[in-house]
C-alpha atoms as a PDB file:
ATOM      1  CA  MET A   1      -8.203  -9.640  -7.892  1.00  0.00           C
ATOM      2  CA  VAL A   2      -8.891  -6.116  -7.490  1.00  0.00           C
ATOM      3  CA  ASP A   3     -10.903  -4.041 -10.147  1.00  0.00           C
ATOM      4  CA  VAL A   4     -11.595  -0.377  -9.711  1.00  0.00           C
ATOM      5  CA  SER A   5     -13.965   0.970 -12.414  1.00  0.00           C
ATOM      6  CA  ASP A   6     -14.969   4.572 -12.901  1.00  0.00           C
ATOM      7  CA  VAL A   7     -14.618   5.419  -9.389  1.00  0.00           C
ATOM      8  CA  ASN A   8     -15.480   9.054  -8.040  1.00  0.00           C
ATOM      9  CA  TYR A   9     -14.888  10.100  -4.486  1.00  0.00           C
ATOM     10  CA  ALA A  10     -14.725  13.436  -2.800  1.00  0.00           C
ATOM     11  CA  VAL A  11     -13.965  14.771   0.839  1.00  0.00           C
ATOM     12  CA  GLY A  12     -15.730  17.791   1.932  1.00  0.00           C
ATOM     13  CA  GLY A  13     -16.625  18.651  -1.644  1.00  0.00           C
ATOM     14  CA  ARG A  14     -13.014  18.357  -2.943  1.00  0.00           C
ATOM     15  CA  PRO A  15     -12.859  15.590  -5.616  1.00  0.00           C
ATOM     16  CA  ILE A  16     -10.111  12.974  -4.741  1.00  0.00           C
ATOM     17  CA  PHE A  17     -10.936  10.628  -7.569  1.00  0.00           C
ATOM     18  CA  LYS A  18     -12.890  11.575 -11.126  1.00  0.00           C
ATOM     19  CA  GLY A  19     -13.485   8.255 -13.098  1.00  0.00           C
ATOM     20  CA  LEU A  20     -10.599   6.220 -11.672  1.00  0.00           C
ATOM     21  CA  THR A  21     -10.056   2.854 -13.360  1.00  0.00           C
ATOM     22  CA  LEU A  22      -7.439   0.373 -12.673  1.00  0.00           C
ATOM     23  CA  THR A  23      -6.893  -3.209 -11.902  1.00  0.00           C
ATOM     24  CA  ALA A  24      -4.445  -5.608 -10.176  1.00  0.00           C
ATOM     25  CA  ARG A  25      -4.037  -9.010 -11.712  1.00  0.00           C
ATOM     26  CA  ARG A  26      -3.624 -12.317  -9.962  1.00  0.00           C
ATOM     27  CA  GLY A  27      -0.002 -13.085  -9.124  1.00  0.00           C
ATOM     28  CA  ARG A  28       1.591  -9.822 -10.193  1.00  0.00           C
ATOM     29  CA  ILE A  29       3.126  -6.830  -8.334  1.00  0.00           C
ATOM     30  CA  THR A  30       1.072  -3.704  -9.149  1.00  0.00           C
ATOM     31  CA  ALA A  31       2.582  -0.206  -8.307  1.00  0.00           C
ATOM     32  CA  ILE A  32       0.179   2.737  -7.485  1.00  0.00           C
ATOM     33  CA  MET A  33       2.456   5.920  -7.514  1.00  0.00           C
ATOM     34  CA  GLY A  34       1.765   9.510  -7.649  1.00  0.00           C
ATOM     35  CA  PRO A  35       2.781  12.686  -6.009  1.00  0.00           C
ATOM     36  CA  SER A  36       1.759  13.419  -2.389  1.00  0.00           C
ATOM     37  CA  GLY A  37      -2.152  14.123  -2.018  1.00  0.00           C
ATOM     38  CA  THR A  38      -3.414  12.091  -4.978  1.00  0.00           C
ATOM     39  CA  GLY A  39      -5.229   9.857  -3.101  1.00  0.00           C
ATOM     40  CA  LYS A  40      -3.080   6.820  -3.033  1.00  0.00           C
ATOM     41  CA  THR A  41      -3.748   5.781   0.487  1.00  0.00           C
ATOM     42  CA  THR A  42      -7.534   6.875   0.188  1.00  0.00           C
ATOM     43  CA  LEU A  43      -7.513   4.145  -2.816  1.00  0.00           C
ATOM     44  CA  LEU A  44      -6.344   1.474  -0.414  1.00  0.00           C
ATOM     45  CA  ARG A  45      -9.173   2.400   2.024  1.00  0.00           C
ATOM     46  CA  LEU A  46     -11.662   1.977  -0.929  1.00  0.00           C
ATOM     47  CA  ILE A  47     -10.088  -1.572  -1.651  1.00  0.00           C
ATOM     48  CA  THR A  48     -10.366  -2.580   1.795  1.00  0.00           C
ATOM     49  CA  ALA A  49     -13.886  -1.357   2.405  1.00  0.00           C
ATOM     50  CA  GLN A  50     -13.291   1.190   4.936  1.00  0.00           C
ATOM     51  CA  ILE A  51     -14.789   3.820   2.980  1.00  0.00           C
ATOM     52  CA  THR A  52     -17.339   3.786  -0.108  1.00  0.00           C
ATOM     53  CA  ALA A  53     -16.949   5.293  -3.402  1.00  0.00           C
ATOM     54  CA  ASP A  54     -19.375   8.021  -4.280  1.00  0.00           C
ATOM     55  CA  ALA A  55     -19.912   6.415  -7.686  1.00  0.00           C
ATOM     56  CA  GLY A  56     -18.489   3.531  -9.763  1.00  0.00           C
ATOM     57  CA  THR A  57     -17.524   0.256  -8.555  1.00  0.00           C
ATOM     58  CA  VAL A  58     -14.637  -1.352  -6.669  1.00  0.00           C
ATOM     59  CA  ARG A  59     -14.571  -5.326  -6.833  1.00  0.00           C
ATOM     60  CA  VAL A  60     -12.315  -7.377  -4.867  1.00  0.00           C
ATOM     61  CA  PHE A  61     -12.273 -11.042  -5.427  1.00  0.00           C
ATOM     62  CA  GLY A  62     -15.141 -10.292  -7.849  1.00  0.00           C
ATOM     63  CA  GLU A  63     -17.176  -8.712  -5.084  1.00  0.00           C
ATOM     64  CA  ASN A  64     -18.739  -5.272  -5.301  1.00  0.00           C
ATOM     65  CA  VAL A  65     -17.478  -4.186  -1.647  1.00  0.00           C
ATOM     66  CA  ALA A  66     -20.102  -1.463  -1.642  1.00  0.00           C
ATOM     67  CA  THR A  67     -22.857  -4.104  -1.537  1.00  0.00           C
ATOM     68  CA  LEU A  68     -21.122  -6.205   1.257  1.00  0.00           C
ATOM     69  CA  GLY A  69     -22.460  -6.521   4.830  1.00  0.00           C
ATOM     70  CA  SER A  70     -20.228  -6.147   7.831  1.00  0.00           C
ATOM     71  CA  ALA A  71     -19.762 -10.088   8.090  1.00  0.00           C
ATOM     72  CA  ALA A  72     -18.747 -10.267   4.308  1.00  0.00           C
ATOM     73  CA  ILE A  73     -16.434  -7.396   4.574  1.00  0.00           C
ATOM     74  CA  TYR A  74     -14.678  -8.970   7.724  1.00  0.00           C
ATOM     75  CA  GLY A  75     -14.545 -12.237   5.549  1.00  0.00           C
ATOM     76  CA  LEU A  76     -12.816 -10.329   2.658  1.00  0.00           C
ATOM     77  CA  ARG A  77     -10.258  -8.625   4.910  1.00  0.00           C
ATOM     78  CA  ARG A  78      -9.240 -11.891   6.401  1.00  0.00           C
ATOM     79  CA  ARG A  79      -8.213 -12.695   2.617  1.00  0.00           C
ATOM     80  CA  MET A  80      -5.949  -9.540   2.695  1.00  0.00           C
ATOM     81  CA  GLY A  81      -2.701  -8.797   4.299  1.00  0.00           C
ATOM     82  CA  MET A  82      -1.651  -5.158   4.842  1.00  0.00           C
ATOM     83  CA  LEU A  83       1.630  -3.612   5.407  1.00  0.00           C
ATOM     84  CA  PHE A  84       1.004  -0.253   7.124  1.00  0.00           C
ATOM     85  CA  GLN A  85       3.000   2.923   6.444  1.00  0.00           C
ATOM     86  CA  ASN A  86       4.481   3.198   9.864  1.00  0.00           C
ATOM     87  CA  GLY A  87       4.549  -0.458  10.544  1.00  0.00           C
ATOM     88  CA  ALA A  88       1.889  -0.275  13.213  1.00  0.00           C
ATOM     89  CA  LEU A  89       3.353  -2.749  15.647  1.00  0.00           C
ATOM     90  CA  LEU A  90       1.766  -3.282  19.051  1.00  0.00           C
ATOM     91  CA  THR A  91       4.197  -1.544  21.369  1.00  0.00           C
ATOM     92  CA  ASP A  92       3.486  -3.607  24.538  1.00  0.00           C
ATOM     93  CA  LEU A  93       3.859  -6.931  22.712  1.00  0.00           C
ATOM     94  CA  THR A  94       6.989  -8.775  21.704  1.00  0.00           C
ATOM     95  CA  VAL A  95       8.026  -9.481  18.168  1.00  0.00           C
ATOM     96  CA  PHE A  96       6.531 -12.831  18.418  1.00  0.00           C
ATOM     97  CA  GLU A  97       3.353 -11.746  19.967  1.00  0.00           C
ATOM     98  CA  ASN A  98       2.905  -9.190  17.209  1.00  0.00           C
ATOM     99  CA  VAL A  99       3.150 -11.662  14.492  1.00  0.00           C
ATOM    100  CA  ALA A 100       1.012 -14.193  16.282  1.00  0.00           C
ATOM    101  CA  PHE A 101      -1.773 -11.715  16.966  1.00  0.00           C
ATOM    102  CA  PRO A 102      -3.722 -12.036  13.788  1.00  0.00           C
ATOM    103  CA  VAL A 103      -3.426 -15.953  14.158  1.00  0.00           C
ATOM    104  CA  ARG A 104      -5.025 -15.971  17.710  1.00  0.00           C
ATOM    105  CA  GLU A 105      -7.623 -13.339  16.673  1.00  0.00           C
ATOM    106  CA  HIS A 106      -8.823 -15.397  13.594  1.00  0.00           C
ATOM    107  CA  THR A 107      -8.248 -19.083  14.275  1.00  0.00           C
ATOM    108  CA  ASP A 108      -8.360 -21.730  17.006  1.00  0.00           C
ATOM    109  CA  LEU A 109      -5.017 -23.157  16.229  1.00  0.00           C
ATOM    110  CA  PRO A 110      -3.131 -24.763  19.178  1.00  0.00           C
ATOM    111  CA  GLU A 111      -0.110 -22.877  20.585  1.00  0.00           C
ATOM    112  CA  PRO A 112       2.387 -25.335  19.285  1.00  0.00           C
ATOM    113  CA  LEU A 113       1.092 -24.676  15.673  1.00  0.00           C
ATOM    114  CA  ILE A 114       1.036 -21.071  16.267  1.00  0.00           C
ATOM    115  CA  ARG A 115       4.703 -21.106  17.323  1.00  0.00           C
ATOM    116  CA  LYS A 116       5.742 -23.229  14.352  1.00  0.00           C
ATOM    117  CA  LEU A 117       3.777 -20.686  11.982  1.00  0.00           C
ATOM    118  CA  VAL A 118       5.331 -17.547  13.639  1.00  0.00           C
ATOM    119  CA  LEU A 119       8.829 -18.763  13.442  1.00  0.00           C
ATOM    120  CA  THR A 120       8.297 -19.753   9.854  1.00  0.00           C
ATOM    121  CA  LYS A 121       7.420 -16.190   8.951  1.00  0.00           C
ATOM    122  CA  LEU A 122       9.947 -14.556  11.000  1.00  0.00           C
ATOM    123  CA  GLN A 123      12.491 -16.789   9.384  1.00  0.00           C
ATOM    124  CA  ALA A 124      11.254 -15.723   5.809  1.00  0.00           C
ATOM    125  CA  VAL A 125      11.952 -11.982   6.787  1.00  0.00           C
ATOM    126  CA  GLY A 126      15.379 -12.939   8.599  1.00  0.00           C
ATOM    127  CA  LEU A 127      14.230 -11.925  11.912  1.00  0.00           C
ATOM    128  CA  ARG A 128      13.529 -15.455  13.645  1.00  0.00           C
ATOM    129  CA  GLY A 129      16.300 -14.362  16.153  1.00  0.00           C
ATOM    130  CA  ALA A 130      14.455 -11.261  17.353  1.00  0.00           C
ATOM    131  CA  ALA A 131      11.398 -13.007  18.250  1.00  0.00           C
ATOM    132  CA  GLU A 132      11.585 -11.910  22.039  1.00  0.00           C
ATOM    133  CA  LEU A 133      12.503  -8.382  21.323  1.00  0.00           C
ATOM    134  CA  MET A 134      10.208  -5.353  21.972  1.00  0.00           C
ATOM    135  CA  PRO A 135       9.171  -3.010  18.927  1.00  0.00           C
ATOM    136  CA  SER A 136      11.155  -0.266  20.880  1.00  0.00           C
ATOM    137  CA  GLU A 137      14.333  -2.481  20.503  1.00  0.00           C
ATOM    138  CA  LEU A 138      13.954  -2.612  16.604  1.00  0.00           C
ATOM    139  CA  SER A 139      15.495  -0.421  14.014  1.00  0.00           C
ATOM    140  CA  GLY A 140      13.179   1.104  11.561  1.00  0.00           C
ATOM    141  CA  GLY A 141      14.003  -1.561   8.850  1.00  0.00           C
ATOM    142  CA  MET A 142      13.529  -4.342  11.355  1.00  0.00           C
ATOM    143  CA  ALA A 143      10.414  -3.116  12.472  1.00  0.00           C
ATOM    144  CA  ARG A 144       8.935  -2.804   8.823  1.00  0.00           C
ATOM    145  CA  ARG A 145      10.207  -6.571   8.444  1.00  0.00           C
ATOM    146  CA  VAL A 146       8.414  -7.628  11.516  1.00  0.00           C
ATOM    147  CA  ALA A 147       5.078  -5.939  10.098  1.00  0.00           C
ATOM    148  CA  LEU A 148       5.817  -7.916   6.980  1.00  0.00           C
ATOM    149  CA  ALA A 149       5.722 -11.089   8.678  1.00  0.00           C
ATOM    150  CA  ARG A 150       2.431 -10.332  10.451  1.00  0.00           C
ATOM    151  CA  ALA A 151       0.958  -9.321   7.273  1.00  0.00           C
ATOM    152  CA  ILE A 152       1.839 -12.622   5.512  1.00  0.00           C
ATOM    153  CA  VAL A 153       1.148 -14.893   8.739  1.00  0.00           C
ATOM    154  CA  MET A 154      -2.494 -15.660   7.570  1.00  0.00           C
ATOM    155  CA  ASP A 155      -1.133 -16.534   4.057  1.00  0.00           C
ATOM    156  CA  PRO A 156      -3.363 -13.701   2.334  1.00  0.00           C
ATOM    157  CA  GLU A 157      -4.274 -13.957  -1.280  1.00  0.00           C
ATOM    158  CA  VAL A 158      -3.729 -10.003  -1.773  1.00  0.00           C
ATOM    159  CA  LEU A 159      -1.071  -8.201   0.087  1.00  0.00           C
ATOM    160  CA  VAL A 160      -1.164  -4.304   0.159  1.00  0.00           C
ATOM    161  CA  TYR A 161       1.801  -2.010   1.033  1.00  0.00           C
ATOM    162  CA  ASP A 162       1.273   1.621   1.930  1.00  0.00           C
ATOM    163  CA  GLU A 163       4.367   3.282   1.333  1.00  0.00           C
ATOM    164  CA  PRO A 164       6.681   0.487   2.503  1.00  0.00           C
ATOM    165  CA  PHE A 165       9.985   2.300   1.795  1.00  0.00           C
ATOM    166  CA  VAL A 166       9.543   5.398   3.824  1.00  0.00           C
ATOM    167  CA  GLY A 167      12.283   6.309   6.220  1.00  0.00           C
ATOM    168  CA  LEU A 168      14.461   3.356   5.282  1.00  0.00           C
ATOM    169  CA  ASP A 169      18.269   3.357   4.795  1.00  0.00           C
ATOM    170  CA  PRO A 170      19.422   2.025   1.552  1.00  0.00           C
ATOM    171  CA  ILE A 171      20.206  -1.529   2.915  1.00  0.00           C
ATOM    172  CA  SER A 172      16.858  -1.899   4.685  1.00  0.00           C
ATOM    173  CA  LEU A 173      15.153  -0.527   1.519  1.00  0.00           C
ATOM    174  CA  GLY A 174      16.902  -3.064  -0.601  1.00  0.00           C
ATOM    175  CA  VAL A 175      15.958  -5.774   1.710  1.00  0.00           C
ATOM    176  CA  ILE A 176      12.289  -4.859   1.881  1.00  0.00           C
ATOM    177  CA  LEU A 177      12.385  -4.575  -1.992  1.00  0.00           C
ATOM    178  CA  ARG A 178      13.846  -8.141  -2.250  1.00  0.00           C
ATOM    179  CA  LEU A 179      11.244  -9.365   0.272  1.00  0.00           C
ATOM    180  CA  ILE A 180       8.273  -8.238  -1.643  1.00  0.00           C
ATOM    181  CA  LYS A 181       9.491  -9.833  -4.824  1.00  0.00           C
ATOM    182  CA  GLN A 182      10.289 -13.111  -3.121  1.00  0.00           C
ATOM    183  CA  MET A 183       6.985 -13.073  -1.318  1.00  0.00           C
ATOM    184  CA  ASN A 184       5.159 -12.573  -4.399  1.00  0.00           C
ATOM    185  CA  ASP A 185       6.882 -15.206  -6.409  1.00  0.00           C
ATOM    186  CA  ALA A 186       6.985 -17.936  -3.660  1.00  0.00           C
ATOM    187  CA  LEU A 187       3.676 -17.534  -2.248  1.00  0.00           C
ATOM    188  CA  GLY A 188       1.608 -16.554  -5.359  1.00  0.00           C
ATOM    189  CA  ILE A 189       0.431 -13.284  -3.765  1.00  0.00           C
ATOM    190  CA  THR A 190      -1.162 -10.704  -5.565  1.00  0.00           C
ATOM    191  CA  SER A 191       0.751  -7.450  -4.363  1.00  0.00           C
ATOM    192  CA  ILE A 192      -0.343  -3.875  -4.512  1.00  0.00           C
ATOM    193  CA  VAL A 193       2.313  -1.365  -3.685  1.00  0.00           C
ATOM    194  CA  VAL A 194       1.475   2.139  -3.003  1.00  0.00           C
ATOM    195  CA  SER A 195       4.468   4.503  -3.242  1.00  0.00           C
ATOM    196  CA  HIS A 196       6.126   7.600  -4.688  1.00  0.00           C
ATOM    197  CA  ASP A 197       9.509   6.092  -4.813  1.00  0.00           C
ATOM    198  CA  VAL A 198       9.639   5.403  -8.616  1.00  0.00           C
ATOM    199  CA  GLN A 199      13.265   4.094  -8.910  1.00  0.00           C
ATOM    200  CA  GLU A 200      12.629   1.343  -6.299  1.00  0.00           C
ATOM    201  CA  LEU A 201       9.154   0.392  -7.554  1.00  0.00           C
ATOM    202  CA  SER A 202      10.521   0.050 -11.105  1.00  0.00           C
ATOM    203  CA  THR A 203      12.918  -2.802 -10.149  1.00  0.00           C
ATOM    204  CA  ILE A 204      10.005  -4.979  -8.937  1.00  0.00           C
ATOM    205  CA  ALA A 205       6.595  -3.782 -10.538  1.00  0.00           C
ATOM    206  CA  ASP A 206       4.867  -5.990 -13.346  1.00  0.00           C
ATOM    207  CA  ASP A 207       2.370  -3.235 -13.763  1.00  0.00           C
ATOM    208  CA  SER A 208       2.334   0.462 -12.838  1.00  0.00           C
ATOM    209  CA  TYR A 209      -0.120   3.057 -12.554  1.00  0.00           C
ATOM    210  CA  LEU A 210       0.519   6.979 -11.984  1.00  0.00           C
ATOM    211  CA  LEU A 211      -2.329   8.866 -10.458  1.00  0.00           C
ATOM    212  CA  SER A 212      -2.817  12.632 -11.169  1.00  0.00           C
ATOM    213  CA  ALA A 213      -5.801  15.068 -11.063  1.00  0.00           C
ATOM    214  CA  GLY A 214      -8.082  12.178  -9.646  1.00  0.00           C
ATOM    215  CA  ALA A 215      -7.464   9.598 -12.377  1.00  0.00           C
ATOM    216  CA  VAL A 216      -4.842   7.352 -14.078  1.00  0.00           C
ATOM    217  CA  ALA A 217      -2.556   9.538 -15.891  1.00  0.00           C
ATOM    218  CA  ALA A 218      -0.309   6.691 -17.172  1.00  0.00           C
ATOM    219  CA  ALA A 219      -0.349   3.009 -17.048  1.00  0.00           C
ATOM    220  CA  GLY A 220       1.918   0.204 -18.264  1.00  0.00           C
ATOM    221  CA  ALA A 221       5.321  -1.408 -17.284  1.00  0.00           C
ATOM    222  CA  PRO A 222       7.606   0.978 -15.568  1.00  0.00           C
ATOM    223  CA  ALA A 223       9.607   1.331 -18.672  1.00  0.00           C
ATOM    224  CA  GLN A 224       6.704   2.454 -20.465  1.00  0.00           C
ATOM    225  CA  LEU A 225       5.932   5.122 -17.958  1.00  0.00           C
ATOM    226  CA  ARG A 226       9.472   6.524 -18.243  1.00  0.00           C
ATOM    227  CA  ALA A 227       9.091   6.802 -21.963  1.00  0.00           C
ATOM    228  CA  SER A 228       5.646   8.863 -21.731  1.00  0.00           C
ATOM    229  CA  ASP A 229       5.316  12.066 -23.627  1.00  0.00           C
ATOM    230  CA  SER A 230       2.936  13.356 -21.069  1.00  0.00           C
ATOM    231  CA  PRO A 231       4.417  16.437 -19.275  1.00  0.00           C
ATOM    232  CA  ALA A 232       2.948  15.423 -15.856  1.00  0.00           C
ATOM    233  CA  VAL A 233       4.200  11.847 -16.146  1.00  0.00           C
ATOM    234  CA  ARG A 234       7.822  13.154 -17.112  1.00  0.00           C
ATOM    235  CA  GLN A 235       7.946  15.556 -14.156  1.00  0.00           C
ATOM    236  CA  PHE A 236       6.916  12.823 -11.784  1.00  0.00           C
ATOM    237  CA  MET A 237       9.088  10.146 -13.188  1.00  0.00           C
ATOM    238  CA  THR A 238      12.052  12.574 -13.418  1.00  0.00           C
ATOM    239  CA  GLY A 239      11.377  14.241 -10.067  1.00  0.00           C
ATOM    240  CA  SER A 240      11.393  17.720 -11.625  1.00  0.00           C
ATOM    241  CA  ALA A 241      10.400  20.710  -9.707  1.00  0.00           C
ATOM    242  CA  GLU A 242       9.036  22.301 -12.814  1.00  0.00           C
ATOM    243  CA  GLY A 243       5.978  21.142 -14.517  1.00  0.00           C
ATOM    244  CA  PRO A 244       2.168  20.646 -14.337  1.00  0.00           C
ATOM    245  CA  VAL A 245       2.109  19.090 -11.006  1.00  0.00           C
ATOM    246  CA  ALA A 246       1.912  22.216  -8.748  1.00  0.00           C
ATOM    247  CA  PHE A 247       3.698  22.583  -5.605  1.00  0.00           C
ATOM    248  CA  HIS A 248       1.186  24.780  -3.746  1.00  0.00           C
ATOM    249  CA  TYR A 249      -2.095  23.658  -2.414  1.00  0.00           C
ATOM    250  CA  PRO A 250      -4.994  25.637  -4.032  1.00  0.00           C
ATOM    251  CA  ALA A 251      -5.499  28.885  -2.151  1.00  0.00           C
ATOM    252  CA  PRO A 252      -6.432  32.467  -2.673  1.00  0.00           C
ATOM    253  CA  ASP A 253      -4.167  34.955  -4.214  1.00  0.00           C
ATOM    254  CA  TYR A 254      -1.237  35.419  -1.881  1.00  0.00           C
ATOM    255  CA  VAL A 255      -1.095  39.110  -1.715  1.00  0.00           C
ATOM    256  CA  THR A 256      -4.647  39.788  -1.504  1.00  0.00           C
ATOM    257  CA  GLN A 257      -4.754  37.265   1.467  1.00  0.00           C
ATOM    258  CA  LEU A 258      -1.732  38.845   3.218  1.00  0.00           C
ATOM    259  CA  LEU A 259      -3.334  42.419   2.964  1.00  0.00           C
ATOM    260  CA  ALA A 260      -6.975  41.413   3.923  1.00  0.00           C
ATOM    261  CA  ASP A 261      -6.816  42.917   7.386  1.00  0.00           C
ATOM    262  CA  ASP A 262      -5.149  46.050   6.179  1.00  0.00           C
END
């Protein structure tokens, strides 16, 4: 469903990806993991054709996204759902209207059918009773579930999650994990989950990729990543502060820079 092959991408001369290659297979949950700043969200922008790779190819549904015109990109995105990192609910619309928004934008369905469709999706995430609430009245976990209902309301073939576990309490996190798995199995969706939450992803992922230094540092089932001999992989999987993954962003010598004006 998604094939990223030998992709290079840089921002302001700083390389983000150097020969990145990975795939997301139909009907499976693919986890994309890595420390902050490794380009996980940038990868999602490449997959959704918001940006174009400097070299290499990104194929979605078999189409090279770099060669598509605006109409074709628009059509491609209609086949995808996106759960944004912060939920991105429209604050002046009710829960019901937030979920109905994509349907009204992309279809000419009659209102009675839209109502049934929205209530069905809200029921799937356990929030049918919250249909008339405003986003400001929702907890963080509830808002994320509403955003998930909106992401699946058009029955996408590929569902992309950008850091879906950020800021959630343990109960809400468990609910979201269960929903991701249930949605994938029940609807036959291909799911791509971007996160740095190793333990959570390990419980639901079929395939995992760990990004580091602009490429895939390790790939396989979560258990294979945990058993890796690579110092960088071990550091990330165990959450160790010591290892090859640096804490500091590249910078000039500290003392030299402090004394530069003396």
